[in-house]
């Protein structure tokens, strides 16, 4: 028995076409939504990268400013040391310019001097030995002339005492490691002994933290420098400057 279809073929084709169009529209919307989400993610990442780049740029500029401050501080310290060397007078037995050159030559990297104070004091004299109280061979008393002659013969004439020169050294260093290195260098020098740390504390200059230190030292007693020693210290100072 033959089947009779009352639905026109045009209607069926129209419905199929509408279904296909709807499917294509859904796929288009899905693709556009995916593209939009991808664009949003990329935009968020770009903003994050720009924010990080801005932070890094700020840190780089701050580091450049700190480096410029360090260079300026180093230049000021070098100028100050040159002025100190040019205006220094001589002390006995070591010229002050040679002493300043020695202090500069032994500076570790990053360490700078800010002040130098020198004080001289006489060494305490040793107590003189009491004259021997002898008796004459005859066992009698000695005359006043004999006592005076014996006293002048026994008591030595005191020699003039050389003054002791003490130093107070102030400066700035990146850390206590450089301060300890500077103390070791000065202790090994030919001019100084009894180098000791008096004070070391943290100090901030232009946003940069330093160790401000103060040392005490003594010029070696009975120090006699040769011309070769002086020339060596001066040459090393010139190389450092």
Protein backbone atom coordinates (compact mmCIF):
# COMPACT_ATOMS: atom_id res chain seq x y z
CA UNK A 1 0.00 0.00 0.00
CA UNK A 2 1.54 3.33 -1.02
CA UNK A 3 2.27 6.03 1.67
CA UNK A 4 0.81 9.40 1.01
CA UNK A 5 2.85 12.36 2.36
CA UNK A 6 0.76 15.46 2.86
CA UNK A 7 3.77 17.65 3.87
CA UNK A 8 5.19 19.59 0.97
CA UNK A 9 8.79 19.02 0.08
CA UNK A 10 9.50 22.74 0.23
CA UNK A 11 8.45 22.85 3.86
CA UNK A 12 10.75 19.95 4.75
CA UNK A 13 13.71 21.54 2.99
CA UNK A 14 12.97 24.84 4.74
CA UNK A 15 12.99 23.18 8.16
CA UNK A 16 16.25 21.38 7.40
CA UNK A 17 17.76 24.64 6.22
CA UNK A 18 16.62 26.41 9.41
CA UNK A 19 18.12 23.69 11.57
CA UNK A 20 21.44 23.93 9.71
CA UNK A 21 21.44 27.72 10.06
CA UNK A 22 20.73 27.45 13.78
CA UNK A 23 23.58 24.98 14.19
CA UNK A 24 25.94 27.24 12.27
CA UNK A 25 24.85 30.20 14.38
CA UNK A 26 25.50 28.28 17.61
CA UNK A 27 28.95 27.26 16.38
CA UNK A 28 29.69 30.87 15.38
CA UNK A 29 28.66 32.13 18.81
CA UNK A 30 30.83 29.48 20.47
CA UNK A 31 33.83 30.43 18.32
CA UNK A 32 33.32 34.16 19.02
CA UNK A 33 32.99 33.44 22.75
CA UNK A 34 36.25 31.47 22.70
CA UNK A 35 38.00 34.26 20.85
CA UNK A 36 36.66 36.81 23.33
CA UNK A 37 37.83 34.76 26.34
CA UNK A 38 41.27 34.28 24.77
CA UNK A 39 41.56 38.01 24.11
CA UNK A 40 40.54 38.79 27.70
CA UNK A 41 43.16 36.38 29.09
CA UNK A 42 45.85 37.86 26.86
CA UNK A 43 44.82 41.36 27.91
CA UNK A 44 45.03 40.42 31.60
CA UNK A 45 48.46 38.88 31.10
CA UNK A 46 49.63 41.97 29.22
CA UNK A 47 48.51 44.19 32.09
CA UNK A 48 50.28 41.94 34.59
CA UNK A 49 53.48 42.04 32.54
CA UNK A 50 53.24 45.82 32.25
CA UNK A 51 52.76 46.14 36.02
CA UNK A 52 55.82 43.94 36.69
CA UNK A 53 57.81 45.91 34.10
CA UNK A 54 56.83 49.15 35.81
CA UNK A 55 58.00 47.79 39.20
CA UNK A 56 61.31 46.62 37.71
CA UNK A 57 61.81 49.98 36.01
CA UNK A 58 61.26 51.76 39.34
CA UNK A 59 63.75 49.47 41.08
CA UNK A 60 66.27 50.02 38.30
CA UNK A 61 65.91 53.80 38.58
CA UNK A 62 66.30 53.58 42.37
CA UNK A 63 69.44 51.46 41.95
CA UNK A 64 70.85 54.01 39.50
CA UNK A 65 70.22 56.80 42.01
CA UNK A 66 71.94 54.82 44.78
CA UNK A 67 74.93 54.14 42.53
CA UNK A 68 75.14 57.84 41.67
CA UNK A 69 75.01 58.71 45.39
CA UNK A 70 77.78 56.22 46.13
CA UNK A 71 79.94 57.64 43.36
CA UNK A 72 79.32 61.18 44.64
CA UNK A 73 80.17 60.15 48.20
CA UNK A 74 83.33 58.41 47.01
CA UNK A 75 84.34 61.50 45.02
CA UNK A 76 83.78 63.72 48.07
CA UNK A 77 85.86 61.41 50.25
CA UNK A 78 88.70 61.38 47.70
CA UNK A 79 88.62 65.17 47.53
CA UNK A 80 88.61 65.38 51.32
CA UNK A 81 91.60 63.05 51.58
CA UNK A 82 93.52 65.10 48.98
CA UNK A 83 92.82 68.30 50.92
CA UNK A 84 93.90 66.63 54.17
CA UNK A 85 97.14 65.50 52.55
CA UNK A 86 97.84 68.90 51.00
CA UNK A 87 97.15 70.88 54.19
CA UNK A 88 98.76 68.46 56.64
CA UNK A 89 101.89 69.54 58.47
CA UNK A 90 104.78 67.35 59.51
CA UNK A 91 104.95 65.49 62.77
CA UNK A 92 107.93 63.72 64.28
CA UNK A 93 109.21 61.25 63.40
CA UNK A 94 106.73 60.47 60.57
CA UNK A 95 105.37 63.10 58.16
CA UNK A 96 101.60 63.38 58.49
CA UNK A 97 101.19 63.06 54.73
CA UNK A 98 102.92 59.66 54.89
CA UNK A 99 100.66 58.59 57.76
CA UNK A 100 97.55 59.62 55.80
CA UNK A 101 98.87 57.78 52.75
CA UNK A 102 99.33 54.65 54.88
CA UNK A 103 95.75 54.92 56.17
CA UNK A 104 94.47 55.34 52.61
CA UNK A 105 96.57 52.54 51.12
CA UNK A 106 95.15 49.98 53.55
CA UNK A 107 91.49 50.83 52.92
CA UNK A 108 89.47 47.78 51.74
CA UNK A 109 87.01 48.20 48.90
CA UNK A 110 83.99 50.30 49.81
CA UNK A 111 85.57 51.77 52.97
CA UNK A 112 86.19 55.51 53.31
CA UNK A 113 87.65 57.72 56.02
CA UNK A 114 85.69 60.66 57.43
CA UNK A 115 87.88 62.02 60.25
CA UNK A 116 91.32 61.62 61.81
CA UNK A 117 92.33 62.91 65.22
CA UNK A 118 95.93 62.77 66.50
CA UNK A 119 96.99 63.29 70.09
CA UNK A 120 100.50 63.29 71.52
CA UNK A 121 101.40 62.58 75.09
CA UNK A 122 104.68 61.95 76.84
CA UNK A 123 105.49 58.44 77.92
CA UNK A 124 105.61 57.90 81.67
CA UNK A 125 109.18 57.91 82.94
CA UNK A 126 110.55 54.85 84.68
CA UNK A 127 111.36 55.45 88.37
CA UNK A 128 115.06 56.10 88.90
CA UNK A 129 117.04 53.56 90.91
CA UNK A 130 117.97 54.70 94.41
CA UNK A 131 121.69 55.25 94.92
CA UNK A 132 123.59 52.53 96.69
CA UNK A 133 124.34 53.28 100.29
CA UNK A 134 127.89 52.06 100.71
CA UNK A 135 130.40 52.42 103.38
CA UNK A 136 133.95 53.57 103.13
CA UNK A 137 136.73 51.08 103.31
CA UNK A 138 137.76 52.48 106.66
CA UNK A 139 134.21 52.12 107.99
CA UNK A 140 133.93 55.82 108.79
CA UNK A 141 131.33 58.28 107.73
CA UNK A 142 131.58 59.87 104.29
CA UNK A 143 131.92 63.58 103.89
CA UNK A 144 129.31 65.70 102.10
CA UNK A 145 131.63 66.03 99.10
CA UNK A 146 131.97 62.26 98.85
CA UNK A 147 128.20 61.75 99.08
CA UNK A 148 127.55 64.31 96.34
CA UNK A 149 130.13 62.76 94.03
CA UNK A 150 128.77 59.26 94.63
CA UNK A 151 125.17 60.37 93.97
CA UNK A 152 126.08 62.04 90.68
CA UNK A 153 127.98 58.92 89.62
CA UNK A 154 125.17 56.49 90.46
CA UNK A 155 122.10 58.38 89.24
CA UNK A 156 121.94 58.45 85.39
CA UNK A 157 120.83 61.61 83.65
CA UNK A 158 117.26 60.98 82.30
CA UNK A 159 117.10 60.99 78.51
CA UNK A 160 114.42 63.08 76.79
CA UNK A 161 111.29 61.03 76.26
CA UNK A 162 109.79 60.73 72.79
CA UNK A 163 106.07 61.60 72.82
CA UNK A 164 103.56 58.83 72.13
CA UNK A 165 101.21 59.54 69.22
CA UNK A 166 97.70 58.11 69.47
CA UNK A 167 95.22 58.13 66.60
CA UNK A 168 91.44 58.15 66.46
CA UNK A 169 90.21 57.05 63.03
CA UNK A 170 86.61 57.43 61.88
CA UNK A 171 85.07 56.14 58.67
CA UNK A 172 82.24 54.40 56.83
CA UNK A 173 82.10 50.80 55.61
CA UNK A 174 79.49 48.57 53.94
CA UNK A 175 79.68 46.02 56.79
CA UNK A 176 81.71 44.91 59.81
CA UNK A 177 83.63 42.50 57.57
CA UNK A 178 85.36 45.41 55.83
CA UNK A 179 86.00 47.06 59.22
CA UNK A 180 87.73 43.90 60.48
CA UNK A 181 89.76 43.73 57.27
CA UNK A 182 90.84 47.35 57.70
CA UNK A 183 91.94 46.67 61.29
CA UNK A 184 94.00 43.69 60.10
CA UNK A 185 95.62 45.78 57.34
CA UNK A 186 96.55 48.58 59.72
CA UNK A 187 97.92 46.12 62.29
CA UNK A 188 100.20 44.68 59.61
CA UNK A 189 101.47 48.10 58.48
CA UNK A 190 104.93 49.41 59.34
CA UNK A 191 103.59 52.54 61.04
CA UNK A 192 100.88 51.48 63.50
CA UNK A 193 100.26 49.05 66.32
CA UNK A 194 97.63 48.52 69.02
CA UNK A 195 94.85 48.99 66.45
CA UNK A 196 91.51 48.45 68.20
CA UNK A 197 87.82 48.84 67.39
CA UNK A 198 86.23 51.43 69.65
CA UNK A 199 82.74 51.66 68.14
CA UNK A 200 80.75 50.37 65.19
CA UNK A 201 77.12 51.25 64.61
CA UNK A 202 74.65 51.34 61.73
CA UNK A 203 74.01 54.65 60.01
CA UNK A 204 71.78 55.55 57.05
CA UNK A 205 72.90 58.15 54.50
CA UNK A 206 70.60 59.06 51.60
CA UNK A 207 68.66 55.83 52.08
CA UNK A 208 71.79 53.64 52.10
CA UNK A 209 72.88 51.79 55.25
CA UNK A 210 76.53 51.90 56.33
CA UNK A 211 78.61 50.89 59.33
CA UNK A 212 80.09 53.98 60.98
CA UNK A 213 83.21 52.89 62.84
CA UNK A 214 85.78 54.45 65.15
CA UNK A 215 89.26 52.96 65.66
CA UNK A 216 92.06 53.68 68.09
CA UNK A 217 95.69 53.10 67.14
CA UNK A 218 99.19 54.11 68.15
CA UNK A 219 102.18 55.17 66.11
CA UNK A 220 104.91 52.63 66.67
CA UNK A 221 107.46 53.91 69.18
CA UNK A 222 111.03 54.63 68.06
CA UNK A 223 109.90 54.38 64.44
CA UNK A 224 112.49 55.34 61.87
CA UNK A 225 111.40 55.28 58.24
CA UNK A 226 113.90 54.92 55.44
CA UNK A 227 113.65 56.79 52.17
CA UNK A 228 112.70 53.51 50.51
CA UNK A 229 109.78 53.04 52.90
CA UNK A 230 108.51 56.57 52.26
CA UNK A 231 108.75 56.22 48.49
CA UNK A 232 106.93 52.87 48.62
CA UNK A 233 104.05 54.37 50.62
CA UNK A 234 103.79 57.39 48.32
CA UNK A 235 103.82 55.29 45.15
CA UNK A 236 101.08 53.05 46.48
CA UNK A 237 99.05 56.12 47.45
CA UNK A 238 99.37 57.54 43.94
CA UNK A 239 98.25 54.25 42.44
CA UNK A 240 95.22 54.18 44.77
CA UNK A 241 94.21 57.75 43.91
